[in-house]
Protein backbone atom coordinates (compact mmCIF):
# COMPACT_ATOMS: atom_id res chain seq x y z
CA MET A 1 74.85 145.07 -18.45
CA GLY A 2 75.38 147.28 -21.51
CA ALA A 3 78.37 145.23 -22.62
CA LEU A 4 76.33 142.04 -22.42
CA LEU A 5 73.59 143.62 -24.51
CA ALA A 6 76.14 144.78 -27.12
CA LEU A 7 77.65 141.28 -27.24
CA LEU A 8 74.19 139.77 -27.67
CA ALA A 9 73.43 142.24 -30.49
CA LEU A 10 76.69 141.30 -32.20
CA LEU A 11 75.69 137.65 -32.03
CA VAL A 12 72.13 138.16 -33.26
CA VAL A 13 72.83 140.55 -36.18
CA PRO A 14 74.58 137.94 -38.41
CA PHE A 15 71.67 135.54 -37.97
CA LEU A 16 69.23 138.30 -38.89
CA LEU A 17 71.27 139.15 -41.99
CA LEU A 18 71.40 135.46 -42.89
CA GLY A 19 67.60 135.25 -42.59
CA VAL A 20 67.13 138.32 -44.78
CA ALA A 21 69.59 136.96 -47.36
CA PHE A 22 67.74 133.63 -47.38
CA LYS A 23 64.39 135.35 -47.94
CA VAL A 24 65.88 137.46 -50.77
CA LEU A 25 67.35 134.33 -52.38
CA ILE A 26 64.03 132.46 -52.19
CA THR A 27 62.24 135.50 -53.62
CA LEU A 28 64.68 135.72 -56.52
CA ILE A 29 64.27 132.00 -57.23
CA LEU A 30 60.46 132.22 -57.20
CA LEU A 31 60.22 135.54 -59.07
CA PRO A 32 60.08 134.05 -62.61
CA PHE A 33 57.26 131.74 -61.56
CA LYS A 34 55.33 134.65 -60.07
CA ILE A 35 55.78 136.65 -63.28
CA LEU A 36 54.70 133.66 -65.38
CA GLY A 37 51.67 133.15 -63.13
CA ALA A 38 50.67 136.79 -63.53
CA VAL A 39 50.98 136.55 -67.33
CA VAL A 40 48.92 133.35 -67.45
CA LYS A 41 46.30 134.88 -65.13
CA GLY A 42 46.09 137.93 -67.39
CA LEU A 43 45.69 135.79 -70.50
CA PHE A 44 42.97 133.69 -68.90
CA GLY A 45 41.22 136.86 -67.78
CA LEU A 46 41.37 138.26 -71.30
CA VAL A 47 40.02 135.03 -72.82
CA ALA A 48 37.26 134.88 -70.21
CA GLY A 49 36.34 138.49 -70.97
CA VAL A 50 36.10 137.76 -74.70
CA PHE A 51 33.92 134.71 -74.04
CA GLY A 52 31.81 136.77 -71.66
CA LEU A 53 31.24 139.39 -74.34
CA ALA A 54 30.34 136.68 -76.85
CA ALA A 55 27.89 135.08 -74.42
CA GLY A 56 26.37 138.49 -73.73
CA GLY A 57 25.93 139.11 -77.46
CA ILE A 58 24.27 135.73 -77.94
CA GLY A 59 21.98 136.43 -74.99
CA LEU A 60 21.11 139.81 -76.46
CA VAL A 61 20.22 138.25 -79.82
CA PHE A 62 18.02 135.61 -78.19
CA GLY A 63 16.39 138.26 -76.02
CA LEU A 64 15.59 140.34 -79.09
CA LEU A 65 14.15 137.27 -80.84
CA VAL A 66 11.92 136.52 -77.85
CA MET A 67 10.82 140.14 -77.76
CA LEU A 68 10.03 139.95 -81.48
CA LEU A 69 8.02 136.80 -80.89
CA VAL A 70 6.06 138.33 -78.03
CA LEU A 71 5.44 141.74 -79.53
CA VAL A 72 4.82 140.78 -83.18
CA LEU A 73 3.80 137.16 -83.53
CA LEU A 74 1.78 136.73 -80.34
CA PRO A 75 -0.86 139.32 -81.34
CA LEU A 76 -1.22 137.44 -84.65
CA ALA A 77 -1.97 134.15 -82.84
CA PRO A 78 -5.79 134.49 -83.04
CA PHE A 79 -5.57 134.95 -86.80
CA LEU A 80 -3.34 131.90 -87.07
CA LEU A 81 -5.79 129.90 -84.97
CA ILE A 82 -8.77 130.95 -87.09
CA GLY A 83 -6.79 130.24 -90.27
CA GLY A 84 -5.87 126.79 -88.99
CA ILE A 85 -9.49 125.98 -88.15
CA VAL A 86 -10.64 127.13 -91.61
CA TRP A 87 -7.90 125.09 -93.28
CA LEU A 88 -8.88 121.98 -91.29
CA ALA A 89 -12.56 122.50 -92.18
CA LEU A 90 -11.78 122.87 -95.89
CA LYS A 91 -9.49 119.85 -95.84
CA ALA A 92 -12.12 117.73 -94.09
CA GLY A 93 -14.74 118.71 -96.68
CA SER A 94 -12.64 117.81 -99.75
CA PRO A 95 -12.42 114.17 -100.85
CA ALA A 96 -9.21 112.30 -100.18
CA VAL A 97 -7.09 111.51 -103.23
CA ARG A 98 -6.05 107.85 -103.33
CA PRO A 99 -3.13 106.81 -105.49
CA ALA A 100 -3.74 104.03 -108.03
């Protein structure tokens, strides 16, 4: 029984080595493409990060402008409304100038 097992092991080992050699060969063939893919993925990640920072900066600027509008100009709205009403009243009371 032991001799049969040894003979079977001697027959299986070359096929196992052939499978390992085939996997190593395929890995070596595909290795440059994996490296290139990693480089391209890194570059796209870097570009996306830069665009993300730019978009965040633009959002920050617009947020600050909205905050300026709400905190500074909104309290002045009643004065603008009263000024507009006075301007309309003065304009309605003055005669219209007609060109010749």
